[in-house]
Amino acid sequence: MFEQFAAGARTAVASAVDEAALRGDRRIGTEHLLLGVLHEPGAVRALGTDLPTARAALDALDRSALAVVGIDVQGVERPPVPTSRKRAPFTSGARAVFPRALAETRRSRSRRIAPEHLLLALLDCERPDPAADLLAQLHVDRAAVRDRMRETGR
């Protein structure tokens, strides 16, 4: 399927892989795909948020999840993440984004999957999916973003 990705979408997925590695996560999830898409200026405009804000929101979600199980990480610094030669696998949720992005591509009558198609597919994620939680944490009105993007063809 990756042969159907336009250069921008490939870059977004590569950025998602980098975001997962930067966070020390062993798998690439929908939250990483969302961060990867936010490397694209069009996604930043569409969502009304930027990459540093999304990273901070994801960190806040992590802290709150740990607090639920009684772990307080306030003031604890994350140690540097050792690099690994192993390629991290995609979660099932992240893998499910790609066929939805392809459907968005076909709906828009495009030939290749673009970052905006990935974003539209991510907007369809429902809780408890990490991307849906992150979008909620960012106060993104997913329906409004989806409508705007489809109206403008982006």
Foldseek 3Di string as FASTA:
>chain_A
DCVQADPQLVQLVVQLQVVCQQVQHQARELLSSLLSLLVDPVSCVLQVHHNVVLVVLLVVVVQVVCVVVPDHCVPPDDDGHDDDPDRRYYDPNLVVLVVQLVVVCVVLPHRGRHSVSSVLSLLPDDPPGSSNVSSVSVVGPSVVSNVVCVVVSD
